[in-house]
Amino acid sequence: MSDGNCQSDVNEPPCAKKIKKDEKNDNGVAEPVLDLKDFIPSKILNNNTNRKTVCVQGNFKDKSGVALVILEKNAFKEDELDSEGYFSAESDLKTFFQNDIYGNFECFPKSSINGVKTTIIYPATEKHIAKFSQQEVHIIQETSDCYNKLTLPHIEKEQFNLQWVYNILEGRSEQERVVYDNKCEKEGFVLVPDLKWDGLTKETLYLLAIVRQRGIKSLRDLDGSHLPLLKRVRDEGKKAIFEKYKVPGSQLRIYFHYQPSFYHLHIHFTYLRHEAPGIYAEKSHLLDTVINNIEMMTDYYKKATLPFTIREMDTLFNVYETNGYVQKIKPDIKLIDK
């Protein structure tokens, strides 16, 4: 636990380790042993051809509960575009056609550079299934009154379990992945690779700064008293990322999501060249802009109307639909000529 001082630690690069069957990890937390050969798929929830990701629902043999497996094609690493990587003798080229100066082929590189990023959620809840399912999306203009009467009561009742966040903050899980750790309870934070990033490929750099102070759910809770925390996250986060990954602060996109995917304050750090999910106007709020708004008006985010997107399978959608703010899209009915 923290001693309350604003001290920080920078960890060395993480190394992969294998958790043996029926054993606890180094932090004493029991983790299920999962193997894809035991996964029995039952439904494809989402196949995103733009992002080259697919989410499959199923279950593991001899295990109860639903599991989700998310597969994602990795981005190219520039240091593998050489004679030792994609252009090595181990790469196999299949020809589709050749016409004059043009050729269309499929390349089968060596297996060591041809991995597929895999995320497993087990056991998955109905909220996870809804989150990763393909569905219609709507935009809500949330006034402060809507937040207090509709959104806040809902998230206090329905939000995701935050134990995984507390495990990181308390040093019980993912400590080998921690990039930077400021242990100050009031202004400290832990900087870790986002679940969507492999922690290695600079081209898709994506980290989360998770604040140590509890009880701050989102942008809506921020006011002037949080400015030292926000500036510390910005400045120390930039410095830590530059020291470890050599990406300067001027090439970082630092922002909040609203609504966030979980309600413990966290800030996203992504490489400016990487088009990460949720970077668009209806979802993201740049940290520097948030700081400027609060400096102009200390309770800005308690009064502002904030847009957010909502999907039809989200339980919050039902709240706003019941109160007349949004309506489900009716599927097209195809008429059959007789």
C-alpha atoms as a PDB file:
ATOM      1  CA  MET A   1       0.000   0.000   0.000  1.00  0.00           C
ATOM      2  CA  SER A   2       1.089   3.623  -0.506  1.00  0.00           C
ATOM      3  CA  ASP A   3       2.817   5.632   2.193  1.00  0.00           C
ATOM      4  CA  GLY A   4       1.069   8.740   0.852  1.00  0.00           C
ATOM      5  CA  ASN A   5       4.184  10.312  -0.689  1.00  0.00           C
ATOM      6  CA  CYS A   6       4.167  11.276  -4.348  1.00  0.00           C
ATOM      7  CA  GLN A   7       6.954   8.861  -5.249  1.00  0.00           C
ATOM      8  CA  SER A   8       7.083   6.951  -8.479  1.00  0.00           C
ATOM      9  CA  ASP A   9       8.521   3.772  -9.931  1.00  0.00           C
ATOM     10  CA  VAL A  10       9.368   2.982 -13.548  1.00  0.00           C
ATOM     11  CA  ASN A  11       9.360  -0.715 -14.343  1.00  0.00           C
ATOM     12  CA  GLU A  12      11.561  -2.609 -16.764  1.00  0.00           C
ATOM     13  CA  PRO A  13       9.928  -4.140 -19.887  1.00  0.00           C
ATOM     14  CA  PRO A  14       7.484  -6.981 -19.091  1.00  0.00           C
ATOM     15  CA  CYS A  15       8.367 -10.577 -19.806  1.00  0.00           C
ATOM     16  CA  ALA A  16       5.849 -13.275 -20.643  1.00  0.00           C
ATOM     17  CA  LYS A  17       5.260 -16.013 -18.123  1.00  0.00           C
ATOM     18  CA  LYS A  18       3.103 -19.091 -18.060  1.00  0.00           C
ATOM     19  CA  ILE A  19       0.803 -19.860 -15.154  1.00  0.00           C
ATOM     20  CA  LYS A  20       0.788 -23.546 -14.391  1.00  0.00           C
ATOM     21  CA  LYS A  21      -2.375 -25.493 -13.853  1.00  0.00           C
ATOM     22  CA  ASP A  22      -3.975 -25.275 -10.405  1.00  0.00           C
ATOM     23  CA  GLU A  23      -1.415 -22.684  -9.253  1.00  0.00           C
ATOM     24  CA  LYS A  24      -1.740 -19.044  -8.218  1.00  0.00           C
ATOM     25  CA  ASN A  25       0.184 -16.282  -9.921  1.00  0.00           C
ATOM     26  CA  ASP A  26       3.034 -14.357  -8.296  1.00  0.00           C
ATOM     27  CA  ASN A  27       0.569 -12.075  -6.511  1.00  0.00           C
ATOM     28  CA  GLY A  28      -1.388 -14.934  -4.958  1.00  0.00           C
ATOM     29  CA  VAL A  29      -4.432 -14.473  -7.201  1.00  0.00           C
ATOM     30  CA  ALA A  30      -5.963 -17.683  -8.583  1.00  0.00           C
ATOM     31  CA  GLU A  31      -6.441 -17.571 -12.344  1.00  0.00           C
ATOM     32  CA  PRO A  32      -8.219 -20.110 -14.553  1.00  0.00           C
ATOM     33  CA  VAL A  33      -6.053 -22.072 -16.978  1.00  0.00           C
ATOM     34  CA  LEU A  34      -7.384 -21.523 -20.496  1.00  0.00           C
ATOM     35  CA  ASP A  35      -6.361 -23.075 -23.810  1.00  0.00           C
ATOM     36  CA  LEU A  36      -7.879 -22.239 -27.197  1.00  0.00           C
ATOM     37  CA  LYS A  37      -7.948 -25.919 -28.168  1.00  0.00           C
ATOM     38  CA  ASP A  38     -10.615 -26.320 -25.460  1.00  0.00           C
ATOM     39  CA  PHE A  39     -12.719 -23.398 -26.713  1.00  0.00           C
ATOM     40  CA  ILE A  40     -16.061 -24.347 -28.297  1.00  0.00           C
ATOM     41  CA  PRO A  41     -17.393 -21.419 -30.388  1.00  0.00           C
ATOM     42  CA  SER A  42     -21.146 -20.890 -30.525  1.00  0.00           C
ATOM     43  CA  LYS A  43     -21.718 -17.413 -32.001  1.00  0.00           C
ATOM     44  CA  ILE A  44     -19.824 -14.637 -33.796  1.00  0.00           C
ATOM     45  CA  LEU A  45     -20.768 -11.428 -31.979  1.00  0.00           C
ATOM     46  CA  ASN A  46     -18.883  -8.983 -34.182  1.00  0.00           C
ATOM     47  CA  ASN A  47     -16.622  -9.217 -37.230  1.00  0.00           C
ATOM     48  CA  ASN A  48     -15.052  -5.800 -37.850  1.00  0.00           C
ATOM     49  CA  THR A  49     -13.397  -5.908 -41.263  1.00  0.00           C
ATOM     50  CA  ASN A  50     -11.975  -2.369 -40.887  1.00  0.00           C
ATOM     51  CA  ARG A  51     -10.118  -3.060 -37.647  1.00  0.00           C
ATOM     52  CA  LYS A  52      -9.449  -6.716 -38.539  1.00  0.00           C
ATOM     53  CA  THR A  53     -11.012  -7.932 -35.285  1.00  0.00           C
ATOM     54  CA  VAL A  54     -13.574 -10.611 -34.507  1.00  0.00           C
ATOM     55  CA  CYS A  55     -15.320 -11.467 -31.243  1.00  0.00           C
ATOM     56  CA  VAL A  56     -16.527 -15.043 -30.767  1.00  0.00           C
ATOM     57  CA  GLN A  57     -18.809 -16.247 -27.979  1.00  0.00           C
ATOM     58  CA  GLY A  58     -18.537 -19.797 -26.688  1.00  0.00           C
ATOM     59  CA  ASN A  59     -17.425 -21.859 -23.758  1.00  0.00           C
ATOM     60  CA  PHE A  60     -14.410 -23.849 -22.603  1.00  0.00           C
ATOM     61  CA  LYS A  61     -14.638 -27.624 -22.387  1.00  0.00           C
ATOM     62  CA  ASP A  62     -15.261 -28.851 -18.844  1.00  0.00           C
ATOM     63  CA  LYS A  63     -15.752 -25.284 -17.573  1.00  0.00           C
ATOM     64  CA  SER A  64     -19.021 -23.567 -16.720  1.00  0.00           C
ATOM     65  CA  GLY A  65     -19.885 -20.071 -17.886  1.00  0.00           C
ATOM     66  CA  VAL A  66     -19.723 -18.132 -21.137  1.00  0.00           C
ATOM     67  CA  ALA A  67     -16.394 -17.032 -22.634  1.00  0.00           C
ATOM     68  CA  LEU A  68     -15.532 -14.391 -25.224  1.00  0.00           C
ATOM     69  CA  VAL A  69     -12.463 -14.667 -27.457  1.00  0.00           C
ATOM     70  CA  ILE A  70     -11.393 -11.533 -29.331  1.00  0.00           C
ATOM     71  CA  LEU A  71      -8.924 -12.036 -32.180  1.00  0.00           C
ATOM     72  CA  GLU A  72      -7.127  -9.095 -33.760  1.00  0.00           C
ATOM     73  CA  LYS A  73      -4.640  -8.946 -36.610  1.00  0.00           C
ATOM     74  CA  ASN A  74      -1.493  -7.208 -35.405  1.00  0.00           C
ATOM     75  CA  ALA A  75      -0.180  -4.015 -36.964  1.00  0.00           C
ATOM     76  CA  PHE A  76       3.062  -4.276 -38.909  1.00  0.00           C
ATOM     77  CA  LYS A  77       6.217  -3.636 -36.910  1.00  0.00           C
ATOM     78  CA  GLU A  78       8.647  -1.569 -38.942  1.00  0.00           C
ATOM     79  CA  ASP A  79      11.682  -3.420 -37.562  1.00  0.00           C
ATOM     80  CA  GLU A  80      10.316  -6.664 -39.083  1.00  0.00           C
ATOM     81  CA  LEU A  81      10.161  -5.255 -42.608  1.00  0.00           C
ATOM     82  CA  ASP A  82      13.597  -6.587 -43.546  1.00  0.00           C
ATOM     83  CA  SER A  83      15.428  -9.717 -44.706  1.00  0.00           C
ATOM     84  CA  GLU A  84      15.052 -11.268 -41.255  1.00  0.00           C
ATOM     85  CA  GLY A  85      11.313 -10.696 -41.148  1.00  0.00           C
ATOM     86  CA  TYR A  86       8.756 -10.529 -43.941  1.00  0.00           C
ATOM     87  CA  PHE A  87      11.382 -10.673 -46.681  1.00  0.00           C
ATOM     88  CA  SER A  88      13.237 -13.708 -45.344  1.00  0.00           C
ATOM     89  CA  ALA A  89      13.626 -17.080 -47.060  1.00  0.00           C
ATOM     90  CA  GLU A  90      11.002 -18.479 -44.673  1.00  0.00           C
ATOM     91  CA  SER A  91       8.214 -16.364 -46.205  1.00  0.00           C
ATOM     92  CA  ASP A  92       6.060 -18.211 -48.731  1.00  0.00           C
ATOM     93  CA  LEU A  93       4.336 -16.363 -51.568  1.00  0.00           C
ATOM     94  CA  LYS A  94       1.137 -17.654 -53.183  1.00  0.00           C
ATOM     95  CA  THR A  95       0.283 -16.160 -56.569  1.00  0.00           C
ATOM     96  CA  PHE A  96      -3.278 -15.091 -57.367  1.00  0.00           C
ATOM     97  CA  PHE A  97      -2.511 -13.471 -60.728  1.00  0.00           C
ATOM     98  CA  GLN A  98       0.106 -11.486 -62.645  1.00  0.00           C
ATOM     99  CA  ASN A  99      -0.654  -8.994 -65.413  1.00  0.00           C
ATOM    100  CA  ASP A 100       2.141  -6.952 -66.980  1.00  0.00           C
ATOM    101  CA  ILE A 101       3.780  -4.986 -64.110  1.00  0.00           C
ATOM    102  CA  TYR A 102       1.047  -5.853 -61.587  1.00  0.00           C
ATOM    103  CA  GLY A 103       0.931  -8.912 -59.377  1.00  0.00           C
ATOM    104  CA  ASN A 104      -1.503 -10.023 -56.684  1.00  0.00           C
ATOM    105  CA  PHE A 105      -0.175 -12.453 -54.063  1.00  0.00           C
ATOM    106  CA  GLU A 106      -0.739 -13.742 -50.544  1.00  0.00           C
ATOM    107  CA  CYS A 107       2.279 -13.845 -48.234  1.00  0.00           C
ATOM    108  CA  PHE A 108       2.713 -16.460 -45.501  1.00  0.00           C
ATOM    109  CA  PRO A 109       5.474 -15.108 -43.216  1.00  0.00           C
ATOM    110  CA  LYS A 110       7.311 -17.155 -40.618  1.00  0.00           C
ATOM    111  CA  SER A 111       5.191 -17.948 -37.572  1.00  0.00           C
ATOM    112  CA  SER A 112       7.217 -15.840 -35.120  1.00  0.00           C
ATOM    113  CA  ILE A 113       6.002 -12.604 -36.781  1.00  0.00           C
ATOM    114  CA  ASN A 114       2.563 -13.849 -37.770  1.00  0.00           C
ATOM    115  CA  GLY A 115       0.812 -13.975 -34.398  1.00  0.00           C
ATOM    116  CA  VAL A 116      -2.777 -12.901 -33.758  1.00  0.00           C
ATOM    117  CA  LYS A 117      -3.444 -10.779 -30.684  1.00  0.00           C
ATOM    118  CA  THR A 118      -5.914 -12.699 -28.524  1.00  0.00           C
ATOM    119  CA  THR A 119      -8.014 -11.466 -25.624  1.00  0.00           C
ATOM    120  CA  ILE A 120     -10.078 -13.867 -23.515  1.00  0.00           C
ATOM    121  CA  ILE A 121     -12.858 -12.748 -21.173  1.00  0.00           C
ATOM    122  CA  TYR A 122     -13.925 -15.567 -18.873  1.00  0.00           C
ATOM    123  CA  PRO A 123     -16.387 -15.819 -17.318  1.00  0.00           C
ATOM    124  CA  ALA A 124     -18.143 -13.181 -19.429  1.00  0.00           C
ATOM    125  CA  THR A 125     -21.279 -11.402 -18.211  1.00  0.00           C
ATOM    126  CA  GLU A 126     -24.266 -10.184 -20.200  1.00  0.00           C
ATOM    127  CA  LYS A 127     -22.709  -6.706 -20.078  1.00  0.00           C
ATOM    128  CA  HIS A 128     -19.573  -8.021 -21.783  1.00  0.00           C
ATOM    129  CA  ILE A 129     -21.663  -9.750 -24.450  1.00  0.00           C
ATOM    130  CA  ALA A 130     -23.575  -6.530 -25.115  1.00  0.00           C
ATOM    131  CA  LYS A 131     -20.368  -4.478 -25.210  1.00  0.00           C
ATOM    132  CA  PHE A 132     -18.729  -6.639 -27.888  1.00  0.00           C
ATOM    133  CA  SER A 133     -21.853  -7.315 -30.002  1.00  0.00           C
ATOM    134  CA  GLN A 134     -22.495  -5.526 -33.280  1.00  0.00           C
ATOM    135  CA  GLN A 135     -25.520  -3.273 -32.891  1.00  0.00           C
ATOM    136  CA  GLU A 136     -27.134   0.045 -33.772  1.00  0.00           C
ATOM    137  CA  VAL A 137     -25.553   3.157 -32.225  1.00  0.00           C
ATOM    138  CA  HIS A 138     -27.231   6.431 -31.203  1.00  0.00           C
ATOM    139  CA  ILE A 139     -25.985   9.765 -29.824  1.00  0.00           C
ATOM    140  CA  ILE A 140     -27.350  11.338 -26.637  1.00  0.00           C
ATOM    141  CA  GLN A 141     -26.985  14.995 -25.630  1.00  0.00           C
ATOM    142  CA  GLU A 142     -26.691  14.555 -21.878  1.00  0.00           C
ATOM    143  CA  THR A 143     -27.560  17.672 -19.855  1.00  0.00           C
ATOM    144  CA  SER A 144     -26.530  17.940 -16.213  1.00  0.00           C
ATOM    145  CA  ASP A 145     -30.152  17.213 -15.294  1.00  0.00           C
ATOM    146  CA  CYS A 146     -30.167  14.045 -17.445  1.00  0.00           C
ATOM    147  CA  TYR A 147     -26.922  12.960 -15.826  1.00  0.00           C
ATOM    148  CA  ASN A 148     -28.210  13.369 -12.274  1.00  0.00           C
ATOM    149  CA  LYS A 149     -31.661  11.890 -12.890  1.00  0.00           C
ATOM    150  CA  LEU A 150     -30.954   9.157 -15.451  1.00  0.00           C
ATOM    151  CA  THR A 151     -27.262   8.338 -15.997  1.00  0.00           C
ATOM    152  CA  LEU A 152     -25.887   8.553 -12.450  1.00  0.00           C
ATOM    153  CA  PRO A 153     -28.496   6.324 -10.761  1.00  0.00           C
ATOM    154  CA  HIS A 154     -28.022   3.786 -13.546  1.00  0.00           C
ATOM    155  CA  ILE A 155     -24.228   3.584 -13.400  1.00  0.00           C
ATOM    156  CA  GLU A 156     -24.259   3.362  -9.597  1.00  0.00           C
ATOM    157  CA  LYS A 157     -26.478   0.311  -9.953  1.00  0.00           C
ATOM    158  CA  GLU A 158     -25.227  -1.342 -13.146  1.00  0.00           C
ATOM    159  CA  GLN A 159     -21.514  -0.587 -13.673  1.00  0.00           C
ATOM    160  CA  PHE A 160     -18.885  -3.272 -14.294  1.00  0.00           C
ATOM    161  CA  ASN A 161     -17.077  -4.778 -11.317  1.00  0.00           C
ATOM    162  CA  LEU A 162     -13.925  -2.728 -10.612  1.00  0.00           C
ATOM    163  CA  GLN A 163     -11.947  -5.394  -8.771  1.00  0.00           C
ATOM    164  CA  TRP A 164      -9.495  -5.758 -11.656  1.00  0.00           C
ATOM    165  CA  VAL A 165      -8.715  -2.027 -11.340  1.00  0.00           C
ATOM    166  CA  TYR A 166      -8.113  -2.317  -7.600  1.00  0.00           C
ATOM    167  CA  ASN A 167      -5.901  -5.370  -8.191  1.00  0.00           C
ATOM    168  CA  ILE A 168      -3.607  -3.190 -10.331  1.00  0.00           C
ATOM    169  CA  LEU A 169      -3.620  -0.245  -7.934  1.00  0.00           C
ATOM    170  CA  GLU A 170      -2.938  -2.469  -4.914  1.00  0.00           C
ATOM    171  CA  GLY A 171      -0.149  -4.425  -6.614  1.00  0.00           C
ATOM    172  CA  ARG A 172      -1.944  -7.766  -6.768  1.00  0.00           C
ATOM    173  CA  SER A 173      -2.136  -8.163 -10.566  1.00  0.00           C
ATOM    174  CA  GLU A 174      -0.340  -7.094 -13.764  1.00  0.00           C
ATOM    175  CA  GLN A 175       2.632  -5.633 -11.899  1.00  0.00           C
ATOM    176  CA  GLU A 176       5.040  -6.862 -14.559  1.00  0.00           C
ATOM    177  CA  ARG A 177       3.135  -4.690 -17.066  1.00  0.00           C
ATOM    178  CA  VAL A 178       3.293  -1.451 -15.068  1.00  0.00           C
ATOM    179  CA  VAL A 179       5.215   1.232 -16.987  1.00  0.00           C
ATOM    180  CA  TYR A 180       5.084   3.940 -14.324  1.00  0.00           C
ATOM    181  CA  ASP A 181       3.715   4.150 -10.788  1.00  0.00           C
ATOM    182  CA  ASN A 182       3.232   7.297  -8.731  1.00  0.00           C
ATOM    183  CA  LYS A 183       2.144   6.095  -5.295  1.00  0.00           C
ATOM    184  CA  CYS A 184       0.658   9.348  -3.995  1.00  0.00           C
ATOM    185  CA  GLU A 185      -2.895   8.511  -2.896  1.00  0.00           C
ATOM    186  CA  LYS A 186      -4.296  11.931  -3.855  1.00  0.00           C
ATOM    187  CA  GLU A 187      -2.421  12.744  -7.071  1.00  0.00           C
ATOM    188  CA  GLY A 188      -0.829   9.424  -8.007  1.00  0.00           C
ATOM    189  CA  PHE A 189      -1.620   7.041 -10.843  1.00  0.00           C
ATOM    190  CA  VAL A 190      -0.491   3.806 -12.448  1.00  0.00           C
ATOM    191  CA  LEU A 191       0.416   3.772 -16.148  1.00  0.00           C
ATOM    192  CA  VAL A 192      -0.157   0.406 -17.851  1.00  0.00           C
ATOM    193  CA  PRO A 193      -0.582  -0.848 -21.434  1.00  0.00           C
ATOM    194  CA  ASP A 194      -4.221  -0.934 -22.473  1.00  0.00           C
ATOM    195  CA  LEU A 195      -5.749  -4.378 -22.935  1.00  0.00           C
ATOM    196  CA  LYS A 196      -5.968  -3.654 -26.677  1.00  0.00           C
ATOM    197  CA  TRP A 197      -2.176  -3.128 -26.984  1.00  0.00           C
ATOM    198  CA  ASP A 198       0.515  -5.821 -26.956  1.00  0.00           C
ATOM    199  CA  GLY A 199       2.859  -3.533 -25.037  1.00  0.00           C
ATOM    200  CA  LEU A 200       5.544  -3.807 -27.712  1.00  0.00           C
ATOM    201  CA  THR A 201       4.449  -2.416 -31.086  1.00  0.00           C
ATOM    202  CA  LYS A 202       5.208   1.316 -31.109  1.00  0.00           C
ATOM    203  CA  GLU A 203       2.932   1.906 -34.115  1.00  0.00           C
ATOM    204  CA  THR A 204      -0.147   0.998 -32.022  1.00  0.00           C
ATOM    205  CA  LEU A 205       1.002   2.397 -28.660  1.00  0.00           C
ATOM    206  CA  TYR A 206      -1.919   2.607 -26.228  1.00  0.00           C
ATOM    207  CA  LEU A 207      -1.616   3.062 -22.466  1.00  0.00           C
ATOM    208  CA  LEU A 208      -4.002   3.863 -19.623  1.00  0.00           C
ATOM    209  CA  ALA A 209      -3.281   6.083 -16.637  1.00  0.00           C
ATOM    210  CA  ILE A 210      -5.470   4.805 -13.788  1.00  0.00           C
ATOM    211  CA  VAL A 211      -5.682   7.320 -10.934  1.00  0.00           C
ATOM    212  CA  ARG A 212      -5.202   6.105  -7.367  1.00  0.00           C
ATOM    213  CA  GLN A 213      -7.851   8.369  -5.885  1.00  0.00           C
ATOM    214  CA  ARG A 214     -11.136   6.493  -5.628  1.00  0.00           C
ATOM    215  CA  GLY A 215     -14.615   7.880  -6.036  1.00  0.00           C
ATOM    216  CA  ILE A 216     -13.944   9.834  -9.256  1.00  0.00           C
ATOM    217  CA  LYS A 217     -16.136   8.070 -11.793  1.00  0.00           C
ATOM    218  CA  SER A 218     -15.738  10.197 -14.914  1.00  0.00           C
ATOM    219  CA  LEU A 219     -15.440  13.686 -16.398  1.00  0.00           C
ATOM    220  CA  ARG A 220     -18.629  14.644 -14.595  1.00  0.00           C
ATOM    221  CA  ASP A 221     -16.922  14.461 -11.175  1.00  0.00           C
ATOM    222  CA  LEU A 222     -13.971  16.687 -12.077  1.00  0.00           C
ATOM    223  CA  ASP A 223     -13.568  20.233 -10.727  1.00  0.00           C
ATOM    224  CA  GLY A 224     -10.825  22.674  -9.767  1.00  0.00           C
ATOM    225  CA  SER A 225      -9.644  20.511  -6.876  1.00  0.00           C
ATOM    226  CA  HIS A 226      -8.512  17.869  -9.397  1.00  0.00           C
ATOM    227  CA  LEU A 227      -6.272  20.146 -11.501  1.00  0.00           C
ATOM    228  CA  PRO A 228      -3.018  19.101  -9.745  1.00  0.00           C
ATOM    229  CA  LEU A 229      -3.905  15.445 -10.382  1.00  0.00           C
ATOM    230  CA  LEU A 230      -4.728  16.021 -14.053  1.00  0.00           C
ATOM    231  CA  LYS A 231      -1.555  18.022 -14.695  1.00  0.00           C
ATOM    232  CA  ARG A 232       0.562  15.406 -12.930  1.00  0.00           C
ATOM    233  CA  VAL A 233      -0.920  12.625 -15.065  1.00  0.00           C
ATOM    234  CA  ARG A 234      -0.267  14.658 -18.225  1.00  0.00           C
ATOM    235  CA  ASP A 235       3.297  15.694 -17.408  1.00  0.00           C
ATOM    236  CA  GLU A 236       4.587  12.528 -15.746  1.00  0.00           C
ATOM    237  CA  GLY A 237       2.773  10.308 -18.249  1.00  0.00           C
ATOM    238  CA  LYS A 238       4.439  12.083 -21.177  1.00  0.00           C
ATOM    239  CA  LYS A 239       7.846  11.829 -19.535  1.00  0.00           C
ATOM    240  CA  ALA A 240       7.493   8.114 -18.717  1.00  0.00           C
ATOM    241  CA  ILE A 241       6.333   7.262 -22.249  1.00  0.00           C
ATOM    242  CA  PHE A 242       9.187   9.192 -23.830  1.00  0.00           C
ATOM    243  CA  GLU A 243      11.776   7.507 -21.584  1.00  0.00           C
ATOM    244  CA  LYS A 244      10.465   4.024 -22.324  1.00  0.00           C
ATOM    245  CA  TYR A 245       9.121   4.202 -25.893  1.00  0.00           C
ATOM    246  CA  LYS A 246      10.845   7.325 -27.289  1.00  0.00           C
ATOM    247  CA  VAL A 247       7.529   8.849 -28.357  1.00  0.00           C
ATOM    248  CA  PRO A 248       7.531  12.612 -27.606  1.00  0.00           C
ATOM    249  CA  GLY A 249       4.565  14.300 -25.939  1.00  0.00           C
ATOM    250  CA  SER A 250       3.788  16.184 -29.156  1.00  0.00           C
ATOM    251  CA  GLN A 251       2.958  12.822 -30.778  1.00  0.00           C
ATOM    252  CA  LEU A 252       0.646  11.614 -28.032  1.00  0.00           C
ATOM    253  CA  ARG A 253      -3.136  11.839 -28.023  1.00  0.00           C
ATOM    254  CA  ILE A 254      -4.152  12.150 -24.339  1.00  0.00           C
ATOM    255  CA  TYR A 255      -7.863  12.027 -23.637  1.00  0.00           C
ATOM    256  CA  PHE A 256     -10.868  10.812 -21.661  1.00  0.00           C
ATOM    257  CA  HIS A 257     -13.764   8.744 -22.946  1.00  0.00           C
ATOM    258  CA  TYR A 258     -17.320   9.775 -22.148  1.00  0.00           C
ATOM    259  CA  GLN A 259     -19.113   7.603 -21.356  1.00  0.00           C
ATOM    260  CA  PRO A 260     -16.102   5.587 -20.132  1.00  0.00           C
ATOM    261  CA  SER A 261     -16.025   1.798 -20.351  1.00  0.00           C
ATOM    262  CA  PHE A 262     -15.558   1.607 -16.559  1.00  0.00           C
ATOM    263  CA  TYR A 263     -16.312   4.182 -13.882  1.00  0.00           C
ATOM    264  CA  HIS A 264     -12.985   4.738 -12.162  1.00  0.00           C
ATOM    265  CA  LEU A 265     -11.188   7.777 -13.578  1.00  0.00           C
ATOM    266  CA  HIS A 266      -8.611   6.874 -16.210  1.00  0.00           C
ATOM    267  CA  ILE A 267      -6.882   8.704 -19.062  1.00  0.00           C
ATOM    268  CA  HIS A 268      -5.931   7.276 -22.453  1.00  0.00           C
ATOM    269  CA  PHE A 269      -2.484   7.789 -24.033  1.00  0.00           C
ATOM    270  CA  THR A 270      -2.218   6.766 -27.704  1.00  0.00           C
ATOM    271  CA  TYR A 271       0.271   7.338 -30.509  1.00  0.00           C
ATOM    272  CA  LEU A 272      -1.007  10.111 -32.748  1.00  0.00           C
ATOM    273  CA  ARG A 273      -0.443   7.988 -35.865  1.00  0.00           C
ATOM    274  CA  HIS A 274      -2.617   5.199 -34.455  1.00  0.00           C
ATOM    275  CA  GLU A 275      -6.360   5.473 -35.124  1.00  0.00           C
ATOM    276  CA  ALA A 276      -7.415   3.877 -31.854  1.00  0.00           C
ATOM    277  CA  PRO A 277     -11.063   3.061 -31.069  1.00  0.00           C
ATOM    278  CA  GLY A 278     -13.022   5.890 -29.488  1.00  0.00           C
ATOM    279  CA  ILE A 279     -10.899   8.852 -30.635  1.00  0.00           C
ATOM    280  CA  TYR A 280     -13.742  10.638 -32.415  1.00  0.00           C
ATOM    281  CA  ALA A 281     -15.594  13.814 -31.413  1.00  0.00           C
ATOM    282  CA  GLU A 282     -18.648  12.094 -29.931  1.00  0.00           C
ATOM    283  CA  LYS A 283     -16.521  10.008 -27.557  1.00  0.00           C
ATOM    284  CA  SER A 284     -13.176  11.614 -26.647  1.00  0.00           C
ATOM    285  CA  HIS A 285     -12.233  14.734 -24.679  1.00  0.00           C
ATOM    286  CA  LEU A 286      -8.605  15.884 -24.834  1.00  0.00           C
ATOM    287  CA  LEU A 287      -6.970  16.192 -21.414  1.00  0.00           C
ATOM    288  CA  ASP A 288      -5.555  19.651 -22.151  1.00  0.00           C
ATOM    289  CA  THR A 289      -9.009  20.880 -23.171  1.00  0.00           C
ATOM    290  CA  VAL A 290     -10.514  19.451 -19.986  1.00  0.00           C
ATOM    291  CA  ILE A 291      -7.864  21.247 -17.911  1.00  0.00           C
ATOM    292  CA  ASN A 292      -8.509  24.535 -19.748  1.00  0.00           C
ATOM    293  CA  ASN A 293     -12.282  24.260 -19.293  1.00  0.00           C
ATOM    294  CA  ILE A 294     -11.947  23.650 -15.552  1.00  0.00           C
ATOM    295  CA  GLU A 295      -9.506  26.560 -15.221  1.00  0.00           C
ATOM    296  CA  MET A 296     -12.131  28.825 -16.824  1.00  0.00           C
ATOM    297  CA  MET A 297     -15.024  27.416 -14.770  1.00  0.00           C
ATOM    298  CA  THR A 298     -14.288  25.121 -11.839  1.00  0.00           C
ATOM    299  CA  ASP A 299     -17.593  23.210 -12.116  1.00  0.00           C
ATOM    300  CA  TYR A 300     -17.687  23.178 -15.932  1.00  0.00           C
ATOM    301  CA  TYR A 301     -18.249  19.414 -16.226  1.00  0.00           C
ATOM    302  CA  LYS A 302     -21.020  19.434 -13.645  1.00  0.00           C
ATOM    303  CA  LYS A 303     -22.966  21.950 -15.770  1.00  0.00           C
ATOM    304  CA  ALA A 304     -22.013  21.168 -19.378  1.00  0.00           C
ATOM    305  CA  THR A 305     -24.105  19.203 -21.843  1.00  0.00           C
ATOM    306  CA  LEU A 306     -21.944  16.264 -22.908  1.00  0.00           C
ATOM    307  CA  PRO A 307     -22.627  14.058 -25.931  1.00  0.00           C
ATOM    308  CA  PHE A 308     -22.084  10.325 -25.779  1.00  0.00           C
ATOM    309  CA  THR A 309     -22.870   7.358 -27.968  1.00  0.00           C
ATOM    310  CA  ILE A 310     -25.047   4.525 -26.797  1.00  0.00           C
ATOM    311  CA  ARG A 311     -25.827   1.140 -28.309  1.00  0.00           C
ATOM    312  CA  GLU A 312     -29.232  -0.487 -28.338  1.00  0.00           C
ATOM    313  CA  MET A 313     -28.151  -3.469 -26.236  1.00  0.00           C
ATOM    314  CA  ASP A 314     -26.741  -1.221 -23.499  1.00  0.00           C
ATOM    315  CA  THR A 315     -28.967  -1.164 -20.439  1.00  0.00           C
ATOM    316  CA  LEU A 316     -28.529   2.632 -20.260  1.00  0.00           C
ATOM    317  CA  PHE A 317     -30.212   2.806 -23.674  1.00  0.00           C
ATOM    318  CA  ASN A 318     -33.384   1.401 -22.086  1.00  0.00           C
ATOM    319  CA  VAL A 319     -33.323   4.190 -19.493  1.00  0.00           C
ATOM    320  CA  TYR A 320     -33.134   6.924 -22.125  1.00  0.00           C
ATOM    321  CA  GLU A 321     -35.651   5.172 -24.384  1.00  0.00           C
ATOM    322  CA  THR A 322     -38.173   4.874 -21.533  1.00  0.00           C
ATOM    323  CA  ASN A 323     -37.819   8.593 -20.865  1.00  0.00           C
ATOM    324  CA  GLY A 324     -38.342   9.524 -24.516  1.00  0.00           C
ATOM    325  CA  TYR A 325     -34.831  10.654 -25.474  1.00  0.00           C
ATOM    326  CA  VAL A 326     -34.104   7.964 -28.061  1.00  0.00           C
ATOM    327  CA  GLN A 327     -35.911   5.289 -30.055  1.00  0.00           C
ATOM    328  CA  LYS A 328     -34.776   1.924 -31.371  1.00  0.00           C
ATOM    329  CA  ILE A 329     -34.211   1.546 -35.075  1.00  0.00           C
ATOM    330  CA  LYS A 330     -36.827  -0.743 -36.569  1.00  0.00           C
ATOM    331  CA  PRO A 331     -35.442  -3.367 -38.940  1.00  0.00           C
ATOM    332  CA  ASP A 332     -36.340  -3.042 -42.599  1.00  0.00           C
ATOM    333  CA  ILE A 333     -39.268  -5.244 -43.595  1.00  0.00           C
ATOM    334  CA  LYS A 334     -38.783  -6.795 -47.015  1.00  0.00           C
ATOM    335  CA  LEU A 335     -41.984  -7.353 -48.944  1.00  0.00           C
ATOM    336  CA  ILE A 336     -42.288 -10.553 -50.973  1.00  0.00           C
ATOM    337  CA  ASP A 337     -44.184 -10.263 -54.250  1.00  0.00           C
ATOM    338  CA  LYS A 338     -46.804 -12.922 -54.697  1.00  0.00           C
END
